Amino acid sequence: MVHRLVALMPMRHSSERVKGKNFRPFGDGRPLYQHVLDVLKQCELIDKVVIDTDSQVIRDQCAEHYPDVVLLERPEHLRAGETPMNEVLLHDIAQVPSEFYLQTHSTNPLITAQTVNKAIETFFRNYPTYDSLFSVTRYQTRLWDQLARPINHNPDILLRTQDLPPLYEENSCIYIFSGKTLEEKKNRLSSRPYMYEMSPWEAIDIDEEINFRIAEVVYRERAEGRLAE
């Protein structure tokens, strides 16, 4: 069966900077990855969710609590931390055929189903004018390179930061692309990607311990209705 849209969430068992982060309890006590997995399962436009992992812990938990999720065991040659994500994705799409794919990460636990659904709708509304989509976070601040050269401003003309031309960070929360694009370009972003801006509150990525702590504070305040986005 060839699906219309399949969600991919690759996860490694080990993590270098935050040990065991993918299955570490977060927020309400669920393992970190389950927060994003539960969001994906709420999205009606997603036909199937696929988890690619080398973690027996994650496979056992998913087999028990998410029997409808497709579990792919990551091959040994794709398990190194420096393995390019595009190679992992090429392996995954060969196992689960679909016309389009949405890829996300378990390390963005504040993302909401509303945001994911809106991104999917935006992609299909603009396809094929834009042949892929990735989520971004807007920045309007004075940036410099490593040689102390201004990147996006003139130091002699001190515009207010809110008046600076915005720059956008690829925040790794959402990627949408066709299987054909990935196979031909060997890249999830083709020649005409759509930049999908999302709230920085949802875009917090857990890469370091400080990110984990900050994300939990935001999670609690949102759960208590105290977060004004």
C-alpha atoms as a PDB file:
ATOM      1  CA  MET A   1       0.000   0.000   0.000  1.00  0.00           C
ATOM      2  CA  VAL A   2       1.321   3.443  -0.952  1.00  0.00           C
ATOM      3  CA  HIS A   3       0.297   6.127   1.512  1.00  0.00           C
ATOM      4  CA  ARG A   4      -0.301   9.823   0.869  1.00  0.00           C
ATOM      5  CA  LEU A   5       1.651  11.164   3.878  1.00  0.00           C
ATOM      6  CA  VAL A   6       3.794   9.197   6.321  1.00  0.00           C
ATOM      7  CA  ALA A   7       5.440  10.736   9.389  1.00  0.00           C
ATOM      8  CA  LEU A   8       9.028   9.699  10.167  1.00  0.00           C
ATOM      9  CA  MET A   9      10.597  10.104  13.595  1.00  0.00           C
ATOM     10  CA  PRO A  10      14.161   8.723  13.702  1.00  0.00           C
ATOM     11  CA  MET A  11      15.754   8.215  17.116  1.00  0.00           C
ATOM     12  CA  ARG A  12      19.068   6.879  18.342  1.00  0.00           C
ATOM     13  CA  HIS A  13      19.321   5.043  21.654  1.00  0.00           C
ATOM     14  CA  SER A  14      22.350   6.960  22.825  1.00  0.00           C
ATOM     15  CA  SER A  15      22.822  10.707  22.873  1.00  0.00           C
ATOM     16  CA  GLU A  16      26.102  12.450  23.495  1.00  0.00           C
ATOM     17  CA  ARG A  17      25.116  15.641  25.324  1.00  0.00           C
ATOM     18  CA  VAL A  18      21.923  14.656  27.184  1.00  0.00           C
ATOM     19  CA  LYS A  19      22.182  11.006  28.191  1.00  0.00           C
ATOM     20  CA  GLY A  20      19.151   8.887  27.346  1.00  0.00           C
ATOM     21  CA  LYS A  21      17.140  11.973  26.440  1.00  0.00           C
ATOM     22  CA  ASN A  22      14.742  10.303  24.003  1.00  0.00           C
ATOM     23  CA  PHE A  23      13.206   8.104  26.706  1.00  0.00           C
ATOM     24  CA  ARG A  24      13.892  10.352  29.713  1.00  0.00           C
ATOM     25  CA  PRO A  25      10.701  11.442  31.546  1.00  0.00           C
ATOM     26  CA  PHE A  26       9.599  14.924  30.492  1.00  0.00           C
ATOM     27  CA  GLY A  27       6.863  17.275  31.678  1.00  0.00           C
ATOM     28  CA  ASP A  28       4.026  15.030  32.863  1.00  0.00           C
ATOM     29  CA  GLY A  29       6.276  11.988  33.184  1.00  0.00           C
ATOM     30  CA  ARG A  30       5.896  10.524  29.723  1.00  0.00           C
ATOM     31  CA  PRO A  31       9.155   9.685  27.948  1.00  0.00           C
ATOM     32  CA  LEU A  32      10.340  12.606  25.846  1.00  0.00           C
ATOM     33  CA  TYR A  33       9.650  10.937  22.494  1.00  0.00           C
ATOM     34  CA  GLN A  34       6.048  10.115  23.421  1.00  0.00           C
ATOM     35  CA  HIS A  35       5.126  13.809  23.539  1.00  0.00           C
ATOM     36  CA  VAL A  36       5.896  14.230  19.832  1.00  0.00           C
ATOM     37  CA  LEU A  37       4.544  10.784  18.961  1.00  0.00           C
ATOM     38  CA  ASP A  38       1.210  11.614  20.591  1.00  0.00           C
ATOM     39  CA  VAL A  39       1.079  14.879  18.605  1.00  0.00           C
ATOM     40  CA  LEU A  40       1.670  13.046  15.323  1.00  0.00           C
ATOM     41  CA  LYS A  41      -1.072  10.556  16.117  1.00  0.00           C
ATOM     42  CA  GLN A  42      -3.547  13.423  16.550  1.00  0.00           C
ATOM     43  CA  CYS A  43      -2.935  14.659  12.993  1.00  0.00           C
ATOM     44  CA  GLU A  44      -5.632  13.272  10.718  1.00  0.00           C
ATOM     45  CA  LEU A  45      -3.695  14.114   7.546  1.00  0.00           C
ATOM     46  CA  ILE A  46      -0.923  11.691   8.570  1.00  0.00           C
ATOM     47  CA  ASP A  47      -1.676   8.159   7.356  1.00  0.00           C
ATOM     48  CA  LYS A  48       1.005   6.313   9.292  1.00  0.00           C
ATOM     49  CA  VAL A  49       3.721   7.053  11.848  1.00  0.00           C
ATOM     50  CA  VAL A  50       7.114   5.366  11.511  1.00  0.00           C
ATOM     51  CA  ILE A  51       9.825   5.216  14.172  1.00  0.00           C
ATOM     52  CA  ASP A  52      13.342   4.332  13.075  1.00  0.00           C
ATOM     53  CA  THR A  53      15.544   3.414  16.033  1.00  0.00           C
ATOM     54  CA  ASP A  54      18.327   1.213  17.338  1.00  0.00           C
ATOM     55  CA  SER A  55      16.847   1.414  20.849  1.00  0.00           C
ATOM     56  CA  GLN A  56      15.345  -1.734  22.310  1.00  0.00           C
ATOM     57  CA  VAL A  57      13.841   0.404  25.085  1.00  0.00           C
ATOM     58  CA  ILE A  58      11.881   2.488  22.581  1.00  0.00           C
ATOM     59  CA  ARG A  59      10.887  -0.523  20.474  1.00  0.00           C
ATOM     60  CA  ASP A  60       9.544  -2.376  23.542  1.00  0.00           C
ATOM     61  CA  GLN A  61       7.592   0.649  24.785  1.00  0.00           C
ATOM     62  CA  CYS A  62       6.088   1.366  21.378  1.00  0.00           C
ATOM     63  CA  ALA A  63       5.144  -2.265  20.786  1.00  0.00           C
ATOM     64  CA  GLU A  64       3.211  -2.177  24.063  1.00  0.00           C
ATOM     65  CA  HIS A  65       1.606   1.271  23.916  1.00  0.00           C
ATOM     66  CA  TYR A  66       1.527   2.136  20.184  1.00  0.00           C
ATOM     67  CA  PRO A  67       0.795  -1.084  18.290  1.00  0.00           C
ATOM     68  CA  ASP A  68      -0.234   0.815  15.139  1.00  0.00           C
ATOM     69  CA  VAL A  69       3.136   2.594  14.838  1.00  0.00           C
ATOM     70  CA  VAL A  70       5.572   1.050  12.353  1.00  0.00           C
ATOM     71  CA  LEU A  71       8.896   0.206  14.021  1.00  0.00           C
ATOM     72  CA  LEU A  72      12.019   0.015  11.876  1.00  0.00           C
ATOM     73  CA  GLU A  73      15.259  -1.302  13.322  1.00  0.00           C
ATOM     74  CA  ARG A  74      18.058   0.969  12.199  1.00  0.00           C
ATOM     75  CA  PRO A  75      20.812  -0.984  10.412  1.00  0.00           C
ATOM     76  CA  GLU A  76      24.225  -1.108  12.028  1.00  0.00           C
ATOM     77  CA  HIS A  77      25.848   0.981   9.277  1.00  0.00           C
ATOM     78  CA  LEU A  78      23.449   3.894   9.948  1.00  0.00           C
ATOM     79  CA  ARG A  79      23.826   4.050  13.732  1.00  0.00           C
ATOM     80  CA  ALA A  80      26.843   6.337  14.105  1.00  0.00           C
ATOM     81  CA  GLY A  81      26.171   9.835  15.388  1.00  0.00           C
ATOM     82  CA  GLU A  82      27.817  11.401  12.349  1.00  0.00           C
ATOM     83  CA  THR A  83      25.629   9.511   9.862  1.00  0.00           C
ATOM     84  CA  PRO A  84      23.851  12.075   7.623  1.00  0.00           C
ATOM     85  CA  MET A  85      20.110  12.193   8.299  1.00  0.00           C
ATOM     86  CA  ASN A  86      19.362  12.004   4.575  1.00  0.00           C
ATOM     87  CA  GLU A  87      20.888   8.515   4.484  1.00  0.00           C
ATOM     88  CA  VAL A  88      18.655   7.402   7.353  1.00  0.00           C
ATOM     89  CA  LEU A  89      15.606   8.852   5.610  1.00  0.00           C
ATOM     90  CA  LEU A  90      16.463   7.106   2.332  1.00  0.00           C
ATOM     91  CA  HIS A  91      16.519   3.813   4.214  1.00  0.00           C
ATOM     92  CA  ASP A  92      13.174   4.560   5.867  1.00  0.00           C
ATOM     93  CA  ILE A  93      11.258   5.549   2.735  1.00  0.00           C
ATOM     94  CA  ALA A  94      12.421   2.340   1.055  1.00  0.00           C
ATOM     95  CA  GLN A  95      10.684   0.381   3.825  1.00  0.00           C
ATOM     96  CA  VAL A  96       7.404   2.339   3.967  1.00  0.00           C
ATOM     97  CA  PRO A  97       6.231   3.642   0.563  1.00  0.00           C
ATOM     98  CA  SER A  98       4.423   6.976   0.505  1.00  0.00           C
ATOM     99  CA  GLU A  99       3.989   9.841  -1.912  1.00  0.00           C
ATOM    100  CA  PHE A 100       5.010  12.394   0.726  1.00  0.00           C
ATOM    101  CA  TYR A 101       6.772  12.288   4.081  1.00  0.00           C
ATOM    102  CA  LEU A 102       6.842  14.484   7.169  1.00  0.00           C
ATOM    103  CA  GLN A 103       9.945  14.175   9.304  1.00  0.00           C
ATOM    104  CA  THR A 104      10.266  15.478  12.822  1.00  0.00           C
ATOM    105  CA  HIS A 105      12.359  14.831  15.928  1.00  0.00           C
ATOM    106  CA  SER A 106      11.553  13.558  19.392  1.00  0.00           C
ATOM    107  CA  THR A 107      13.504  16.489  20.827  1.00  0.00           C
ATOM    108  CA  ASN A 108      10.824  19.102  20.068  1.00  0.00           C
ATOM    109  CA  PRO A 109       8.292  18.160  22.786  1.00  0.00           C
ATOM    110  CA  LEU A 110       6.456  21.506  22.818  1.00  0.00           C
ATOM    111  CA  ILE A 111       5.212  21.313  19.243  1.00  0.00           C
ATOM    112  CA  THR A 112       1.425  21.068  18.915  1.00  0.00           C
ATOM    113  CA  ALA A 113      -0.861  19.125  16.613  1.00  0.00           C
ATOM    114  CA  GLN A 114      -2.351  22.425  15.473  1.00  0.00           C
ATOM    115  CA  THR A 115       1.045  23.602  14.231  1.00  0.00           C
ATOM    116  CA  VAL A 116       1.810  20.310  12.496  1.00  0.00           C
ATOM    117  CA  ASN A 117      -1.609  20.235  10.827  1.00  0.00           C
ATOM    118  CA  LYS A 118      -1.202  23.819   9.652  1.00  0.00           C
ATOM    119  CA  ALA A 119       2.235  23.004   8.202  1.00  0.00           C
ATOM    120  CA  ILE A 120       0.792  20.037   6.290  1.00  0.00           C
ATOM    121  CA  GLU A 121      -2.071  22.128   4.939  1.00  0.00           C
ATOM    122  CA  THR A 122       0.373  24.889   3.962  1.00  0.00           C
ATOM    123  CA  PHE A 123       2.563  22.435   2.092  1.00  0.00           C
ATOM    124  CA  PHE A 124      -0.251  20.862   0.086  1.00  0.00           C
ATOM    125  CA  ARG A 125      -1.791  24.263  -0.644  1.00  0.00           C
ATOM    126  CA  ASN A 126       1.489  25.482  -2.143  1.00  0.00           C
ATOM    127  CA  TYR A 127       2.652  22.276  -3.835  1.00  0.00           C
ATOM    128  CA  PRO A 128       4.131  21.971  -6.479  1.00  0.00           C
ATOM    129  CA  THR A 129       5.102  25.665  -6.611  1.00  0.00           C
ATOM    130  CA  TYR A 130       7.097  24.827  -3.488  1.00  0.00           C
ATOM    131  CA  ASP A 131       8.317  21.231  -3.594  1.00  0.00           C
ATOM    132  CA  SER A 132       9.255  20.865   0.085  1.00  0.00           C
ATOM    133  CA  LEU A 133       8.764  22.613   3.424  1.00  0.00           C
ATOM    134  CA  PHE A 134      10.832  23.181   6.525  1.00  0.00           C
ATOM    135  CA  SER A 135       9.998  24.988   9.746  1.00  0.00           C
ATOM    136  CA  VAL A 136      11.874  28.090  10.821  1.00  0.00           C
ATOM    137  CA  THR A 137      12.123  30.503  13.739  1.00  0.00           C
ATOM    138  CA  ARG A 138      12.346  34.235  13.055  1.00  0.00           C
ATOM    139  CA  TYR A 139      15.242  36.232  14.484  1.00  0.00           C
ATOM    140  CA  GLN A 140      15.525  40.004  14.561  1.00  0.00           C
ATOM    141  CA  THR A 141      18.675  40.706  16.491  1.00  0.00           C
ATOM    142  CA  ARG A 142      22.143  42.016  15.663  1.00  0.00           C
ATOM    143  CA  LEU A 143      24.318  39.158  14.450  1.00  0.00           C
ATOM    144  CA  TRP A 144      28.077  39.050  13.877  1.00  0.00           C
ATOM    145  CA  ASP A 145      30.424  36.502  12.351  1.00  0.00           C
ATOM    146  CA  GLN A 146      33.553  35.058  13.979  1.00  0.00           C
ATOM    147  CA  LEU A 147      35.663  37.941  12.638  1.00  0.00           C
ATOM    148  CA  ALA A 148      33.452  40.563  14.306  1.00  0.00           C
ATOM    149  CA  ARG A 149      31.841  41.563  11.013  1.00  0.00           C
ATOM    150  CA  PRO A 150      28.167  42.533  11.115  1.00  0.00           C
ATOM    151  CA  ILE A 151      25.932  40.109   9.235  1.00  0.00           C
ATOM    152  CA  ASN A 152      22.542  41.745   9.124  1.00  0.00           C
ATOM    153  CA  HIS A 153      22.994  45.344  10.262  1.00  0.00           C
ATOM    154  CA  ASN A 154      25.061  48.481   9.864  1.00  0.00           C
ATOM    155  CA  PRO A 155      26.737  49.388  13.199  1.00  0.00           C
ATOM    156  CA  ASP A 156      26.752  53.051  12.126  1.00  0.00           C
ATOM    157  CA  ILE A 157      22.978  53.028  11.749  1.00  0.00           C
ATOM    158  CA  LEU A 158      21.521  51.589  14.915  1.00  0.00           C
ATOM    159  CA  LEU A 159      18.098  50.485  13.845  1.00  0.00           C
ATOM    160  CA  ARG A 160      15.850  49.084  16.528  1.00  0.00           C
ATOM    161  CA  THR A 161      16.159  45.310  16.506  1.00  0.00           C
ATOM    162  CA  GLN A 162      12.460  44.970  15.652  1.00  0.00           C
ATOM    163  CA  ASP A 163      13.122  47.022  12.502  1.00  0.00           C
ATOM    164  CA  LEU A 164      15.984  44.825  11.254  1.00  0.00           C
ATOM    165  CA  PRO A 165      15.338  42.569   8.246  1.00  0.00           C
ATOM    166  CA  PRO A 166      14.448  39.188   9.768  1.00  0.00           C
ATOM    167  CA  LEU A 167      16.674  36.147   9.486  1.00  0.00           C
ATOM    168  CA  TYR A 168      15.358  32.619   9.905  1.00  0.00           C
ATOM    169  CA  GLU A 169      16.782  29.638  11.758  1.00  0.00           C
ATOM    170  CA  GLU A 170      16.045  26.122  10.511  1.00  0.00           C
ATOM    171  CA  ASN A 171      14.650  24.758  13.782  1.00  0.00           C
ATOM    172  CA  SER A 172      14.436  21.043  12.817  1.00  0.00           C
ATOM    173  CA  CYS A 173      10.832  20.666  13.995  1.00  0.00           C
ATOM    174  CA  ILE A 174       9.108  19.886  10.670  1.00  0.00           C
ATOM    175  CA  TYR A 175      10.245  18.792   7.219  1.00  0.00           C
ATOM    176  CA  ILE A 176       7.809  17.798   4.468  1.00  0.00           C
ATOM    177  CA  PHE A 177       9.012  16.414   1.159  1.00  0.00           C
ATOM    178  CA  SER A 178       8.143  13.905  -1.523  1.00  0.00           C
ATOM    179  CA  GLY A 179       9.780  10.504  -1.715  1.00  0.00           C
ATOM    180  CA  LYS A 180      10.743  11.319  -5.285  1.00  0.00           C
ATOM    181  CA  THR A 181      12.521  14.502  -4.162  1.00  0.00           C
ATOM    182  CA  LEU A 182      14.577  12.646  -1.573  1.00  0.00           C
ATOM    183  CA  GLU A 183      15.512   9.838  -3.962  1.00  0.00           C
ATOM    184  CA  GLU A 184      16.526  12.160  -6.789  1.00  0.00           C
ATOM    185  CA  LYS A 185      18.235  14.937  -4.821  1.00  0.00           C
ATOM    186  CA  LYS A 186      19.442  12.843  -1.868  1.00  0.00           C
ATOM    187  CA  ASN A 187      18.185  15.774   0.176  1.00  0.00           C
ATOM    188  CA  ARG A 188      14.887  16.317   1.992  1.00  0.00           C
ATOM    189  CA  LEU A 189      14.900  19.951   0.829  1.00  0.00           C
ATOM    190  CA  SER A 190      14.807  20.356  -2.901  1.00  0.00           C
ATOM    191  CA  SER A 191      15.282  23.470  -5.019  1.00  0.00           C
ATOM    192  CA  ARG A 192      12.091  25.291  -3.973  1.00  0.00           C
ATOM    193  CA  PRO A 193      11.503  24.864  -0.232  1.00  0.00           C
ATOM    194  CA  TYR A 194       8.801  26.748   1.663  1.00  0.00           C
ATOM    195  CA  MET A 195       9.917  28.296   4.955  1.00  0.00           C
ATOM    196  CA  TYR A 196       7.170  27.677   7.502  1.00  0.00           C
ATOM    197  CA  GLU A 197       7.475  30.070  10.435  1.00  0.00           C
ATOM    198  CA  MET A 198       6.383  28.778  13.821  1.00  0.00           C
ATOM    199  CA  SER A 199       6.267  30.067  17.371  1.00  0.00           C
ATOM    200  CA  PRO A 200       9.620  30.045  19.198  1.00  0.00           C
ATOM    201  CA  TRP A 201       7.761  28.684  22.250  1.00  0.00           C
ATOM    202  CA  GLU A 202       7.045  25.482  20.331  1.00  0.00           C
ATOM    203  CA  ALA A 203      10.392  25.339  18.559  1.00  0.00           C
ATOM    204  CA  ILE A 204      12.594  24.700  21.605  1.00  0.00           C
ATOM    205  CA  ASP A 205      14.945  21.859  20.643  1.00  0.00           C
ATOM    206  CA  ILE A 206      16.523  19.722  23.346  1.00  0.00           C
ATOM    207  CA  ASP A 207      20.183  19.529  22.443  1.00  0.00           C
ATOM    208  CA  GLU A 208      21.788  20.391  25.776  1.00  0.00           C
ATOM    209  CA  GLU A 209      20.731  19.938  29.405  1.00  0.00           C
ATOM    210  CA  ILE A 210      19.795  23.628  29.636  1.00  0.00           C
ATOM    211  CA  ASN A 211      17.307  23.131  26.773  1.00  0.00           C
ATOM    212  CA  PHE A 212      15.696  20.247  28.671  1.00  0.00           C
ATOM    213  CA  ARG A 213      15.279  22.379  31.802  1.00  0.00           C
ATOM    214  CA  ILE A 214      13.891  25.390  29.909  1.00  0.00           C
ATOM    215  CA  ALA A 215      11.479  23.222  27.902  1.00  0.00           C
ATOM    216  CA  GLU A 216      10.085  21.712  31.113  1.00  0.00           C
ATOM    217  CA  VAL A 217       9.422  25.176  32.557  1.00  0.00           C
ATOM    218  CA  VAL A 218       7.587  26.190  29.384  1.00  0.00           C
ATOM    219  CA  TYR A 219       5.666  22.905  29.400  1.00  0.00           C
ATOM    220  CA  ARG A 220       4.472  23.428  32.990  1.00  0.00           C
ATOM    221  CA  GLU A 221       3.474  27.065  32.419  1.00  0.00           C
ATOM    222  CA  ARG A 222       1.543  26.115  29.290  1.00  0.00           C
ATOM    223  CA  ALA A 223      -0.191  23.258  31.110  1.00  0.00           C
ATOM    224  CA  GLU A 224      -1.183  25.667  33.882  1.00  0.00           C
ATOM    225  CA  GLY A 225      -2.441  28.290  31.422  1.00  0.00           C
ATOM    226  CA  ARG A 226       0.223  30.790  32.470  1.00  0.00           C
ATOM    227  CA  LEU A 227       2.035  31.041  29.139  1.00  0.00           C
ATOM    228  CA  ALA A 228       1.194  34.090  27.020  1.00  0.00           C
ATOM    229  CA  GLU A 229       2.652  33.327  23.597  1.00  0.00           C
END
